[in-house]
């Protein structure tokens, strides 16, 4: 959809309408006992995403597969996104990370 919008093959979303819809969503879910956290997540009390909590706590995690992200306590890395390239690198026993970013201790 992004490509089609950039090529003017379809209109982009209306910003004012998007804001109104998001505000409605926040109010509606809030009135039905859902908490709003992060940017676009909602949950019932005590049901926060365990997956995301690893990021918040600075836990180590391993991403498997194309485009997956990992954190080893020092750097964040992400795997190449193209499936064929990812597979070729794995079969050749080569590094399949596209990049690594050192993470300051204050961000953990």
N, C-alpha and C. Protein backbone atom coordinates (compact mmCIF):
# COMPACT_ATOMS: atom_id res chain seq x y z
N UNK A 1 0.83 -1.18 0.00
CA UNK A 1 0.00 0.00 0.00
C UNK A 1 0.89 1.26 0.00
N UNK A 2 1.98 1.23 0.78
CA UNK A 2 2.88 2.38 0.82
C UNK A 2 3.43 2.69 -0.56
N UNK A 3 3.82 1.67 -1.29
CA UNK A 3 4.36 1.87 -2.63
C UNK A 3 3.31 2.49 -3.53
N UNK A 4 2.07 2.00 -3.44
CA UNK A 4 1.00 2.54 -4.27
C UNK A 4 0.71 4.00 -3.94
N UNK A 5 0.78 4.35 -2.66
CA UNK A 5 0.55 5.75 -2.25
C UNK A 5 1.66 6.63 -2.79
N UNK A 6 2.92 6.16 -2.64
CA UNK A 6 4.05 6.96 -3.13
C UNK A 6 4.03 7.13 -4.65
N UNK A 7 3.46 6.17 -5.35
CA UNK A 7 3.36 6.25 -6.81
C UNK A 7 2.07 6.95 -7.24
N UNK A 8 1.34 7.51 -6.29
CA UNK A 8 0.06 8.17 -6.56
C UNK A 8 -0.95 7.26 -7.25
N UNK A 9 -0.90 5.98 -6.93
CA UNK A 9 -1.86 5.03 -7.48
C UNK A 9 -3.07 4.91 -6.57
N UNK A 10 -2.96 5.43 -5.37
CA UNK A 10 -4.09 5.47 -4.45
C UNK A 10 -3.82 6.59 -3.44
N UNK A 11 -4.88 7.15 -2.87
CA UNK A 11 -4.68 8.24 -1.91
C UNK A 11 -4.18 7.69 -0.57
N UNK A 12 -3.42 8.51 0.12
CA UNK A 12 -2.98 8.16 1.46
C UNK A 12 -4.12 8.36 2.45
N UNK A 13 -3.92 7.91 3.68
CA UNK A 13 -4.98 8.08 4.69
C UNK A 13 -5.17 9.55 5.03
N UNK A 14 -6.37 9.89 5.39
CA UNK A 14 -6.70 11.25 5.82
C UNK A 14 -6.24 11.42 7.27
N UNK A 15 -5.30 12.34 7.50
CA UNK A 15 -4.73 12.52 8.84
C UNK A 15 -5.78 12.86 9.90
N UNK A 16 -6.67 13.79 9.58
CA UNK A 16 -7.69 14.19 10.55
C UNK A 16 -8.60 13.01 10.91
N UNK A 17 -8.99 12.25 9.91
CA UNK A 17 -9.84 11.09 10.15
C UNK A 17 -9.10 10.03 10.98
N UNK A 18 -7.83 9.83 10.69
CA UNK A 18 -7.03 8.86 11.45
C UNK A 18 -6.94 9.26 12.92
N UNK A 19 -6.73 10.54 13.18
CA UNK A 19 -6.65 11.03 14.57
C UNK A 19 -7.98 10.81 15.28
N UNK A 20 -9.08 11.15 14.63
CA UNK A 20 -10.40 10.94 15.24
C UNK A 20 -10.66 9.47 15.54
N UNK A 21 -10.31 8.61 14.59
CA UNK A 21 -10.53 7.18 14.80
C UNK A 21 -9.66 6.65 15.94
N UNK A 22 -8.43 7.11 16.04
CA UNK A 22 -7.54 6.64 17.11
C UNK A 22 -8.03 7.14 18.47
N UNK A 23 -8.47 8.39 18.52
CA UNK A 23 -9.01 8.92 19.78
C UNK A 23 -10.27 8.14 20.20
N UNK A 24 -11.11 7.82 19.23
CA UNK A 24 -12.30 7.02 19.53
C UNK A 24 -11.89 5.66 20.10
N UNK A 25 -10.90 5.03 19.46
CA UNK A 25 -10.43 3.72 19.91
C UNK A 25 -9.92 3.79 21.35
N UNK A 26 -9.13 4.80 21.67
CA UNK A 26 -8.60 4.96 23.02
C UNK A 26 -9.74 5.12 24.03
N UNK A 27 -10.70 5.98 23.71
CA UNK A 27 -11.83 6.20 24.62
C UNK A 27 -12.70 4.96 24.76
N UNK A 28 -13.01 4.31 23.64
CA UNK A 28 -13.88 3.14 23.66
C UNK A 28 -13.25 2.00 24.46
N UNK A 29 -12.02 1.67 24.14
CA UNK A 29 -11.36 0.57 24.85
C UNK A 29 -11.12 0.92 26.31
N UNK A 30 -10.81 2.19 26.58
CA UNK A 30 -10.63 2.62 27.97
C UNK A 30 -11.89 2.43 28.79
N UNK A 31 -13.04 2.68 28.18
CA UNK A 31 -14.31 2.51 28.88
C UNK A 31 -14.71 1.05 29.03
N UNK A 32 -13.96 0.15 28.39
CA UNK A 32 -14.23 -1.29 28.48
C UNK A 32 -13.07 -2.02 29.17
N UNK A 33 -12.39 -1.31 30.08
CA UNK A 33 -11.37 -1.90 30.95
C UNK A 33 -10.08 -2.31 30.23
N UNK A 34 -9.75 -1.64 29.13
CA UNK A 34 -8.48 -1.90 28.46
C UNK A 34 -7.52 -0.75 28.77
N UNK A 35 -6.26 -1.10 29.01
CA UNK A 35 -5.22 -0.10 29.21
C UNK A 35 -4.50 0.15 27.89
N UNK A 36 -4.16 1.39 27.65
CA UNK A 36 -3.42 1.78 26.45
C UNK A 36 -1.95 1.89 26.84
N UNK A 37 -1.10 1.14 26.16
CA UNK A 37 0.34 1.23 26.43
C UNK A 37 1.11 1.19 25.11
N UNK A 38 2.35 1.60 25.18
CA UNK A 38 3.17 1.83 24.00
C UNK A 38 2.39 2.78 23.08
N UNK A 39 2.53 2.62 21.79
CA UNK A 39 1.85 3.53 20.87
C UNK A 39 0.49 3.00 20.48
N UNK A 40 0.42 1.72 20.17
CA UNK A 40 -0.83 1.19 19.61
C UNK A 40 -1.30 -0.09 20.27
N UNK A 41 -0.84 -0.35 21.49
CA UNK A 41 -1.25 -1.59 22.17
C UNK A 41 -2.28 -1.30 23.24
N UNK A 42 -3.20 -2.26 23.40
CA UNK A 42 -4.23 -2.19 24.42
C UNK A 42 -4.34 -3.57 25.05
N UNK A 43 -4.66 -3.62 26.34
CA UNK A 43 -4.85 -4.92 26.98
C UNK A 43 -5.72 -4.78 28.22
N UNK A 44 -6.21 -5.92 28.68
CA UNK A 44 -6.93 -5.98 29.95
C UNK A 44 -5.89 -5.91 31.07
N UNK A 45 -6.30 -5.57 32.29
CA UNK A 45 -5.33 -5.48 33.40
C UNK A 45 -4.50 -6.76 33.54
N UNK A 46 -3.20 -6.57 33.67
CA UNK A 46 -2.29 -7.70 33.86
C UNK A 46 -1.99 -8.52 32.62
N UNK A 47 -2.46 -8.09 31.47
CA UNK A 47 -2.29 -8.88 30.25
C UNK A 47 -1.35 -8.21 29.23
N UNK A 48 -0.39 -7.44 29.73
CA UNK A 48 0.57 -6.81 28.83
C UNK A 48 1.34 -7.87 28.04
N UNK A 49 1.76 -7.51 26.86
CA UNK A 49 2.50 -8.43 26.01
C UNK A 49 3.79 -8.87 26.69
N UNK A 50 3.96 -10.17 26.89
CA UNK A 50 5.21 -10.67 27.45
C UNK A 50 6.33 -10.54 26.45
N UNK A 51 6.02 -10.66 25.19
CA UNK A 51 7.02 -10.51 24.14
C UNK A 51 7.66 -9.13 24.21
N UNK A 52 6.85 -8.09 24.25
CA UNK A 52 7.37 -6.73 24.30
C UNK A 52 8.08 -6.42 25.60
N UNK A 53 7.68 -7.04 26.70
CA UNK A 53 8.29 -6.73 27.99
C UNK A 53 9.77 -7.07 28.00
N UNK A 54 10.20 -8.01 27.18
CA UNK A 54 11.63 -8.32 27.08
C UNK A 54 12.41 -7.10 26.60
N UNK A 55 11.83 -6.35 25.69
CA UNK A 55 12.49 -5.14 25.20
C UNK A 55 12.58 -4.10 26.30
N UNK A 56 11.50 -3.92 27.02
CA UNK A 56 11.45 -2.90 28.06
C UNK A 56 12.45 -3.18 29.17
N UNK A 57 12.62 -4.47 29.50
CA UNK A 57 13.52 -4.85 30.61
C UNK A 57 14.97 -5.00 30.17
N UNK A 58 15.24 -4.93 28.88
CA UNK A 58 16.60 -5.09 28.39
C UNK A 58 17.07 -6.53 28.37
N UNK A 59 16.11 -7.48 28.38
CA UNK A 59 16.46 -8.90 28.31
C UNK A 59 17.09 -9.22 26.95
N UNK A 60 17.92 -10.24 26.94
CA UNK A 60 18.49 -10.71 25.68
C UNK A 60 17.41 -11.47 24.92
N UNK A 61 17.44 -11.36 23.59
CA UNK A 61 16.50 -12.14 22.77
C UNK A 61 17.15 -12.44 21.44
N UNK A 62 16.74 -13.54 20.85
CA UNK A 62 17.29 -14.00 19.59
C UNK A 62 16.20 -14.00 18.54
N UNK A 63 16.45 -13.31 17.45
CA UNK A 63 15.51 -13.28 16.34
C UNK A 63 15.89 -14.32 15.30
N UNK A 64 14.95 -15.15 14.92
CA UNK A 64 15.19 -16.20 13.94
C UNK A 64 14.36 -15.93 12.69
N UNK A 65 15.01 -15.96 11.55
CA UNK A 65 14.31 -15.76 10.29
C UNK A 65 14.63 -14.41 9.67
N UNK A 66 14.23 -14.24 8.42
CA UNK A 66 14.48 -12.99 7.72
C UNK A 66 13.87 -11.79 8.47
N UNK A 67 14.61 -10.72 8.56
CA UNK A 67 14.20 -9.45 9.19
C UNK A 67 14.06 -9.53 10.70
N UNK A 68 14.30 -10.67 11.31
CA UNK A 68 14.15 -10.80 12.76
C UNK A 68 15.25 -10.01 13.48
N UNK A 69 14.91 -9.46 14.63
CA UNK A 69 15.85 -8.67 15.42
C UNK A 69 16.32 -9.45 16.64
N UNK A 70 17.55 -9.18 17.06
CA UNK A 70 18.15 -9.82 18.23
C UNK A 70 18.83 -8.77 19.09
N UNK A 71 19.00 -9.10 20.37
CA UNK A 71 19.75 -8.24 21.29
C UNK A 71 20.56 -9.14 22.21
N UNK A 72 21.89 -8.93 22.24
CA UNK A 72 22.77 -9.77 23.04
C UNK A 72 23.23 -9.10 24.33
N UNK A 73 22.63 -7.98 24.67
CA UNK A 73 23.02 -7.24 25.87
C UNK A 73 23.95 -6.09 25.56
N UNK A 74 24.55 -6.10 24.37
CA UNK A 74 25.47 -5.04 23.97
C UNK A 74 25.02 -4.37 22.68
N UNK A 75 24.62 -5.18 21.71
CA UNK A 75 24.20 -4.62 20.42
C UNK A 75 22.87 -5.21 19.98
N UNK A 76 22.18 -4.45 19.15
CA UNK A 76 20.97 -4.94 18.48
C UNK A 76 21.38 -5.26 17.04
N UNK A 77 20.92 -6.40 16.55
CA UNK A 77 21.19 -6.79 15.18
C UNK A 77 19.88 -7.18 14.52
N UNK A 78 19.88 -7.15 13.20
CA UNK A 78 18.72 -7.64 12.47
C UNK A 78 19.19 -8.43 11.27
N UNK A 79 18.46 -9.49 11.01
CA UNK A 79 18.80 -10.38 9.90
C UNK A 79 18.44 -9.74 8.57
N UNK A 80 19.14 -10.18 7.53
CA UNK A 80 18.81 -9.68 6.19
C UNK A 80 17.33 -9.97 5.93
N UNK A 81 16.72 -9.12 5.14
CA UNK A 81 15.27 -9.24 4.94
C UNK A 81 14.88 -10.15 3.79
N UNK A 82 15.72 -10.27 2.79
CA UNK A 82 15.38 -11.10 1.62
C UNK A 82 15.50 -12.58 1.99
N UNK A 83 14.42 -13.32 1.81
CA UNK A 83 14.39 -14.73 2.20
C UNK A 83 15.48 -15.52 1.48
N UNK A 84 15.63 -15.32 0.17
CA UNK A 84 16.62 -16.08 -0.59
C UNK A 84 18.04 -15.78 -0.11
N UNK A 85 18.34 -14.51 0.15
CA UNK A 85 19.68 -14.14 0.63
C UNK A 85 19.92 -14.71 2.03
N UNK A 86 18.91 -14.60 2.90
CA UNK A 86 19.01 -15.13 4.27
C UNK A 86 19.31 -16.63 4.21
N UNK A 87 18.56 -17.36 3.40
CA UNK A 87 18.73 -18.81 3.27
C UNK A 87 20.13 -19.15 2.73
N UNK A 88 20.56 -18.44 1.70
CA UNK A 88 21.90 -18.68 1.12
C UNK A 88 22.98 -18.48 2.17
N UNK A 89 22.89 -17.40 2.93
CA UNK A 89 23.91 -17.12 3.95
C UNK A 89 23.92 -18.19 5.03
N UNK A 90 22.76 -18.62 5.46
CA UNK A 90 22.67 -19.68 6.47
C UNK A 90 23.34 -20.95 5.96
N UNK A 91 23.00 -21.35 4.73
CA UNK A 91 23.57 -22.59 4.16
C UNK A 91 25.08 -22.48 3.96
N UNK A 92 25.60 -21.29 3.75
CA UNK A 92 27.04 -21.08 3.57
C UNK A 92 27.75 -20.88 4.91
N UNK A 93 26.97 -20.84 6.01
CA UNK A 93 27.56 -20.65 7.33
C UNK A 93 28.09 -19.24 7.55
N UNK A 94 27.53 -18.28 6.83
CA UNK A 94 28.00 -16.90 6.94
C UNK A 94 27.08 -16.08 7.83
N UNK A 95 27.60 -14.95 8.28
CA UNK A 95 26.82 -14.03 9.11
C UNK A 95 25.64 -13.51 8.29
N UNK A 96 24.48 -13.51 8.91
CA UNK A 96 23.27 -13.10 8.19
C UNK A 96 22.66 -11.83 8.79
N UNK A 97 23.44 -11.10 9.59
CA UNK A 97 22.97 -9.83 10.13
C UNK A 97 23.21 -8.73 9.11
N UNK A 98 22.26 -7.82 8.98
CA UNK A 98 22.47 -6.66 8.12
C UNK A 98 23.24 -5.58 8.85
N UNK A 99 23.05 -5.50 10.19
CA UNK A 99 23.66 -4.42 10.92
C UNK A 99 23.67 -4.73 12.40
N UNK A 100 24.46 -4.00 13.13
CA UNK A 100 24.48 -4.09 14.59
C UNK A 100 24.68 -2.71 15.15
N UNK A 101 23.93 -2.38 16.17
CA UNK A 101 24.01 -1.05 16.77
C UNK A 101 24.36 -1.18 18.24
N UNK A 102 25.49 -0.59 18.68
CA UNK A 102 25.78 -0.61 20.11
C UNK A 102 24.68 0.12 20.88
N UNK A 103 24.31 -0.42 22.01
CA UNK A 103 23.25 0.16 22.82
C UNK A 103 23.85 0.70 24.10
N UNK A 104 23.72 2.02 24.36
CA UNK A 104 24.24 2.58 25.61
C UNK A 104 23.57 1.94 26.81
N UNK A 105 24.31 1.78 27.88
CA UNK A 105 23.79 1.16 29.10
C UNK A 105 22.55 1.88 29.59
N UNK A 106 22.47 3.18 29.38
CA UNK A 106 21.29 3.95 29.85
C UNK A 106 20.02 3.55 29.15
N UNK A 107 20.11 2.90 27.97
CA UNK A 107 18.92 2.49 27.23
C UNK A 107 18.44 1.11 27.64
N UNK A 108 19.19 0.42 28.46
CA UNK A 108 18.83 -0.95 28.85
C UNK A 108 18.01 -0.92 30.11
